[in-house]
Amino acid sequence: MVEQYSQHVFHTAYSVLRDVKEAEDASQEVFLQVYRALPQYRSEGFKTWITRITLNKAIDIKRKLSRKVHEQAAEGMQELDKLPSQDEDVVALLIRKEKREELQNKLGVLPDNHREVVTAFYLDEKNYEQIAAELNTTVKTVESKLYRARQWIRKRWKKEEWR
């Protein structure tokens, strides 16, 4: 029986698992299961019966492998939690906060229509569509307001002030 069906069982298992070693292991398990289940065999076509057993076994193994991969990924995430933080250090955070405050002070000098668009785009990090929805206007209007605000800034601020 093993000699006659081993190639068929292997190829069937391999078609599901796509791994030679796993397909070989599955084939061995299939023949053990077939041997144990022979008393329940109902003479319905042996090749069909053994193919169904092989497919079920291969699917079970594939599920186990998938679970194992997910468990390993979860363990890896837990290990990452134990690593030192990659967050900004305190000094960099303070510098960024100071620059943001300085920029907000400078934005206070901008005309209202420019300030609103510049603040929404650069500080609140909103896209044109979001700004247009908030201002109840079109995206093109937002683009032109932002363009005019940039022109105003270029004319009135020194380059080193707004970099």
C-alpha atoms as a PDB file:
ATOM      1  CA  MET A   1       0.000   0.000   0.000  1.00  0.00           C
ATOM      2  CA  VAL A   2       2.778   2.485   0.948  1.00  0.00           C
ATOM      3  CA  GLU A   3       4.729   1.747  -2.241  1.00  0.00           C
ATOM      4  CA  GLN A   4       1.653   2.123  -4.410  1.00  0.00           C
ATOM      5  CA  TYR A   5       0.294   5.367  -2.929  1.00  0.00           C
ATOM      6  CA  SER A   6       3.321   7.130  -1.411  1.00  0.00           C
ATOM      7  CA  GLN A   7       3.944   9.415  -4.422  1.00  0.00           C
ATOM      8  CA  HIS A   8       0.265  10.345  -4.656  1.00  0.00           C
ATOM      9  CA  VAL A   9       0.026  11.062  -0.916  1.00  0.00           C
ATOM     10  CA  PHE A  10       3.233  13.119  -0.964  1.00  0.00           C
ATOM     11  CA  HIS A  11       2.143  15.207  -3.971  1.00  0.00           C
ATOM     12  CA  THR A  12      -1.278  15.817  -2.458  1.00  0.00           C
ATOM     13  CA  ALA A  13       0.238  16.926   0.857  1.00  0.00           C
ATOM     14  CA  TYR A  14       2.831  19.059  -0.935  1.00  0.00           C
ATOM     15  CA  SER A  15       0.124  20.803  -2.981  1.00  0.00           C
ATOM     16  CA  VAL A  16      -1.331  22.120   0.287  1.00  0.00           C
ATOM     17  CA  LEU A  17       1.817  22.648   2.379  1.00  0.00           C
ATOM     18  CA  ARG A  18       4.361  23.769  -0.251  1.00  0.00           C
ATOM     19  CA  ASP A  19       7.191  22.446   1.900  1.00  0.00           C
ATOM     20  CA  VAL A  20       9.021  19.164   1.201  1.00  0.00           C
ATOM     21  CA  LYS A  21       9.798  18.336   4.824  1.00  0.00           C
ATOM     22  CA  GLU A  22       6.274  19.082   6.005  1.00  0.00           C
ATOM     23  CA  ALA A  23       4.808  17.067   3.112  1.00  0.00           C
ATOM     24  CA  GLU A  24       7.026  14.097   4.011  1.00  0.00           C
ATOM     25  CA  ASP A  25       5.957  14.300   7.665  1.00  0.00           C
ATOM     26  CA  ALA A  26       2.324  14.585   6.629  1.00  0.00           C
ATOM     27  CA  SER A  27       2.681  11.540   4.372  1.00  0.00           C
ATOM     28  CA  GLN A  28       3.990   9.447   7.237  1.00  0.00           C
ATOM     29  CA  GLU A  29       1.158  10.564   9.472  1.00  0.00           C
ATOM     30  CA  VAL A  30      -1.367   9.784   6.729  1.00  0.00           C
ATOM     31  CA  PHE A  31      -0.171   6.196   6.399  1.00  0.00           C
ATOM     32  CA  LEU A  32      -0.311   5.733  10.159  1.00  0.00           C
ATOM     33  CA  GLN A  33      -3.838   7.130  10.194  1.00  0.00           C
ATOM     34  CA  VAL A  34      -4.866   4.953   7.237  1.00  0.00           C
ATOM     35  CA  TYR A  35      -3.513   1.860   8.991  1.00  0.00           C
ATOM     36  CA  ARG A  36      -5.499   2.700  12.142  1.00  0.00           C
ATOM     37  CA  ALA A  37      -8.648   3.525  10.159  1.00  0.00           C
ATOM     38  CA  LEU A  38      -8.634   0.453   7.881  1.00  0.00           C
ATOM     39  CA  PRO A  39     -11.363  -1.275   9.921  1.00  0.00           C
ATOM     40  CA  GLN A  40     -13.711   1.658   9.187  1.00  0.00           C
ATOM     41  CA  TYR A  41     -12.938   1.669   5.442  1.00  0.00           C
ATOM     42  CA  ARG A  42     -16.179   1.099   3.453  1.00  0.00           C
ATOM     43  CA  SER A  43     -14.821   0.003   0.057  1.00  0.00           C
ATOM     44  CA  GLU A  44     -15.765   3.260  -1.653  1.00  0.00           C
ATOM     45  CA  GLY A  45     -12.588   3.814  -3.657  1.00  0.00           C
ATOM     46  CA  PHE A  46      -9.323   3.549  -1.799  1.00  0.00           C
ATOM     47  CA  LYS A  47      -7.490   6.307  -3.680  1.00  0.00           C
ATOM     48  CA  THR A  48     -10.307   8.792  -3.017  1.00  0.00           C
ATOM     49  CA  TRP A  49     -10.391   7.808   0.644  1.00  0.00           C
ATOM     50  CA  ILE A  50      -6.631   8.148   1.121  1.00  0.00           C
ATOM     51  CA  THR A  51      -6.646  11.461  -0.786  1.00  0.00           C
ATOM     52  CA  ARG A  52      -9.332  12.853   1.516  1.00  0.00           C
ATOM     53  CA  ILE A  53      -7.339  11.762   4.582  1.00  0.00           C
ATOM     54  CA  THR A  54      -4.198  13.347   3.106  1.00  0.00           C
ATOM     55  CA  LEU A  55      -5.904  16.638   2.369  1.00  0.00           C
ATOM     56  CA  ASN A  56      -7.405  16.825   5.846  1.00  0.00           C
ATOM     57  CA  LYS A  57      -4.064  16.002   7.464  1.00  0.00           C
ATOM     58  CA  ALA A  58      -2.220  18.590   5.329  1.00  0.00           C
ATOM     59  CA  ILE A  59      -4.789  21.267   6.161  1.00  0.00           C
ATOM     60  CA  ASP A  60      -4.461  20.446   9.878  1.00  0.00           C
ATOM     61  CA  ILE A  61      -0.673  20.733   9.683  1.00  0.00           C
ATOM     62  CA  LYS A  62      -0.928  24.005   7.768  1.00  0.00           C
ATOM     63  CA  ARG A  63      -3.219  25.406  10.477  1.00  0.00           C
ATOM     64  CA  LYS A  64      -0.778  24.332  13.188  1.00  0.00           C
ATOM     65  CA  LEU A  65       2.104  25.956  11.321  1.00  0.00           C
ATOM     66  CA  SER A  66       0.104  29.147  10.886  1.00  0.00           C
ATOM     67  CA  ARG A  67      -0.718  29.236  14.606  1.00  0.00           C
ATOM     68  CA  LYS A  68       2.924  28.621  15.427  1.00  0.00           C
ATOM     69  CA  VAL A  69       4.011  31.542  13.226  1.00  0.00           C
ATOM     70  CA  HIS A  70       1.457  33.833  14.906  1.00  0.00           C
ATOM     71  CA  GLU A  71       2.599  32.712  18.369  1.00  0.00           C
ATOM     72  CA  GLN A  72       6.228  33.355  17.481  1.00  0.00           C
ATOM     73  CA  ALA A  73       5.312  36.791  16.169  1.00  0.00           C
ATOM     74  CA  ALA A  74       3.477  37.546  19.412  1.00  0.00           C
ATOM     75  CA  GLU A  75       6.492  36.393  21.424  1.00  0.00           C
ATOM     76  CA  GLY A  76       8.697  38.615  19.279  1.00  0.00           C
ATOM     77  CA  MET A  77       6.455  41.591  20.009  1.00  0.00           C
ATOM     78  CA  GLN A  78       6.727  40.868  23.740  1.00  0.00           C
ATOM     79  CA  GLU A  79      10.515  40.840  23.402  1.00  0.00           C
ATOM     80  CA  LEU A  80      10.382  44.196  21.610  1.00  0.00           C
ATOM     81  CA  ASP A  81       8.489  45.650  24.562  1.00  0.00           C
ATOM     82  CA  LYS A  82      11.465  44.787  26.762  1.00  0.00           C
ATOM     83  CA  LEU A  83      13.944  46.691  24.579  1.00  0.00           C
ATOM     84  CA  PRO A  84      14.900  50.258  25.481  1.00  0.00           C
ATOM     85  CA  SER A  85      12.551  52.884  24.081  1.00  0.00           C
ATOM     86  CA  GLN A  86      13.330  54.423  20.724  1.00  0.00           C
ATOM     87  CA  ASP A  87      11.448  57.608  21.677  1.00  0.00           C
ATOM     88  CA  GLU A  88      13.091  60.992  21.444  1.00  0.00           C
ATOM     89  CA  ASP A  89      15.257  61.942  24.343  1.00  0.00           C
ATOM     90  CA  VAL A  90      14.141  64.765  26.615  1.00  0.00           C
ATOM     91  CA  VAL A  91      16.449  67.367  25.077  1.00  0.00           C
ATOM     92  CA  ALA A  92      15.228  66.727  21.529  1.00  0.00           C
ATOM     93  CA  LEU A  93      11.646  66.841  22.760  1.00  0.00           C
ATOM     94  CA  LEU A  94      12.223  70.199  24.479  1.00  0.00           C
ATOM     95  CA  ILE A  95      13.921  71.659  21.407  1.00  0.00           C
ATOM     96  CA  ARG A  96      11.019  70.577  19.223  1.00  0.00           C
ATOM     97  CA  LYS A  97       8.524  72.056  21.694  1.00  0.00           C
ATOM     98  CA  GLU A  98      10.414  75.384  21.747  1.00  0.00           C
ATOM     99  CA  LYS A  99      10.504  75.534  17.954  1.00  0.00           C
ATOM    100  CA  ARG A 100       6.788  74.834  17.794  1.00  0.00           C
ATOM    101  CA  GLU A 101       6.069  77.617  20.327  1.00  0.00           C
ATOM    102  CA  GLU A 102       8.296  80.014  18.391  1.00  0.00           C
ATOM    103  CA  LEU A 103       6.463  79.150  15.181  1.00  0.00           C
ATOM    104  CA  GLN A 104       3.091  79.709  16.838  1.00  0.00           C
ATOM    105  CA  ASN A 105       4.269  83.144  18.022  1.00  0.00           C
ATOM    106  CA  LYS A 106       5.363  84.021  14.483  1.00  0.00           C
ATOM    107  CA  LEU A 107       2.054  82.782  13.107  1.00  0.00           C
ATOM    108  CA  GLY A 108       0.361  85.353  15.327  1.00  0.00           C
ATOM    109  CA  VAL A 109       1.761  88.037  13.002  1.00  0.00           C
ATOM    110  CA  LEU A 110       0.215  86.436   9.911  1.00  0.00           C
ATOM    111  CA  PRO A 111      -3.082  87.804   8.589  1.00  0.00           C
ATOM    112  CA  ASP A 112      -6.055  85.771   9.830  1.00  0.00           C
ATOM    113  CA  ASN A 113      -6.861  84.062   6.512  1.00  0.00           C
ATOM    114  CA  HIS A 114      -3.235  82.937   6.116  1.00  0.00           C
ATOM    115  CA  ARG A 115      -2.821  81.891   9.754  1.00  0.00           C
ATOM    116  CA  GLU A 116      -5.846  79.612   9.659  1.00  0.00           C
ATOM    117  CA  VAL A 117      -4.645  77.650   6.612  1.00  0.00           C
ATOM    118  CA  VAL A 118      -0.971  77.508   7.628  1.00  0.00           C
ATOM    119  CA  THR A 119      -1.840  76.324  11.147  1.00  0.00           C
ATOM    120  CA  ALA A 120      -4.195  73.642   9.853  1.00  0.00           C
ATOM    121  CA  PHE A 121      -1.719  72.401   7.236  1.00  0.00           C
ATOM    122  CA  TYR A 122       1.616  72.568   9.042  1.00  0.00           C
ATOM    123  CA  LEU A 123       0.811  72.303  12.740  1.00  0.00           C
ATOM    124  CA  ASP A 124      -2.357  70.213  12.717  1.00  0.00           C
ATOM    125  CA  GLU A 125      -1.010  68.183   9.746  1.00  0.00           C
ATOM    126  CA  LYS A 126      -4.336  68.164   7.928  1.00  0.00           C
ATOM    127  CA  ASN A 127      -4.600  67.570   4.200  1.00  0.00           C
ATOM    128  CA  TYR A 128      -6.254  69.941   1.725  1.00  0.00           C
ATOM    129  CA  GLU A 129      -9.543  68.033   1.756  1.00  0.00           C
ATOM    130  CA  GLN A 130      -9.822  68.159   5.546  1.00  0.00           C
ATOM    131  CA  ILE A 131      -9.049  71.883   5.619  1.00  0.00           C
ATOM    132  CA  ALA A 132     -11.546  72.575   2.827  1.00  0.00           C
ATOM    133  CA  ALA A 133     -14.253  70.703   4.736  1.00  0.00           C
ATOM    134  CA  GLU A 134     -13.535  72.656   7.933  1.00  0.00           C
ATOM    135  CA  LEU A 135     -13.503  76.004   6.151  1.00  0.00           C
ATOM    136  CA  ASN A 136     -16.508  75.065   4.035  1.00  0.00           C
ATOM    137  CA  THR A 137     -14.646  75.873   0.825  1.00  0.00           C
ATOM    138  CA  THR A 138     -13.068  74.077  -2.145  1.00  0.00           C
ATOM    139  CA  VAL A 139      -9.707  72.330  -2.249  1.00  0.00           C
ATOM    140  CA  LYS A 140      -8.516  74.798  -4.904  1.00  0.00           C
ATOM    141  CA  THR A 141      -9.286  77.681  -2.558  1.00  0.00           C
ATOM    142  CA  VAL A 142      -7.259  76.017   0.195  1.00  0.00           C
ATOM    143  CA  GLU A 143      -4.360  75.502  -2.218  1.00  0.00           C
ATOM    144  CA  SER A 144      -4.386  79.139  -3.306  1.00  0.00           C
ATOM    145  CA  LYS A 145      -4.686  80.428   0.285  1.00  0.00           C
ATOM    146  CA  LEU A 146      -1.725  78.283   1.308  1.00  0.00           C
ATOM    147  CA  TYR A 147       0.248  79.503  -1.718  1.00  0.00           C
ATOM    148  CA  ARG A 148      -0.496  83.145  -0.853  1.00  0.00           C
ATOM    149  CA  ALA A 149       0.449  82.538   2.791  1.00  0.00           C
ATOM    150  CA  ARG A 150       3.800  81.093   1.740  1.00  0.00           C
ATOM    151  CA  GLN A 151       4.399  84.102  -0.511  1.00  0.00           C
ATOM    152  CA  TRP A 152       3.588  86.461   2.392  1.00  0.00           C
ATOM    153  CA  ILE A 153       6.022  84.588   4.663  1.00  0.00           C
ATOM    154  CA  ARG A 154       8.806  84.666   2.049  1.00  0.00           C
ATOM    155  CA  LYS A 155       8.453  88.409   1.589  1.00  0.00           C
ATOM    156  CA  ARG A 156       8.334  89.383   5.253  1.00  0.00           C
ATOM    157  CA  TRP A 157      10.448  86.865   7.178  1.00  0.00           C
ATOM    158  CA  LYS A 158      14.174  86.312   6.889  1.00  0.00           C
ATOM    159  CA  LYS A 159      15.057  82.897   5.575  1.00  0.00           C
ATOM    160  CA  GLU A 160      16.705  81.775   8.788  1.00  0.00           C
ATOM    161  CA  GLU A 161      13.560  82.713  10.719  1.00  0.00           C
ATOM    162  CA  TRP A 162      11.269  80.275   8.974  1.00  0.00           C
ATOM    163  CA  ARG A 163      13.492  77.296   8.387  1.00  0.00           C
END
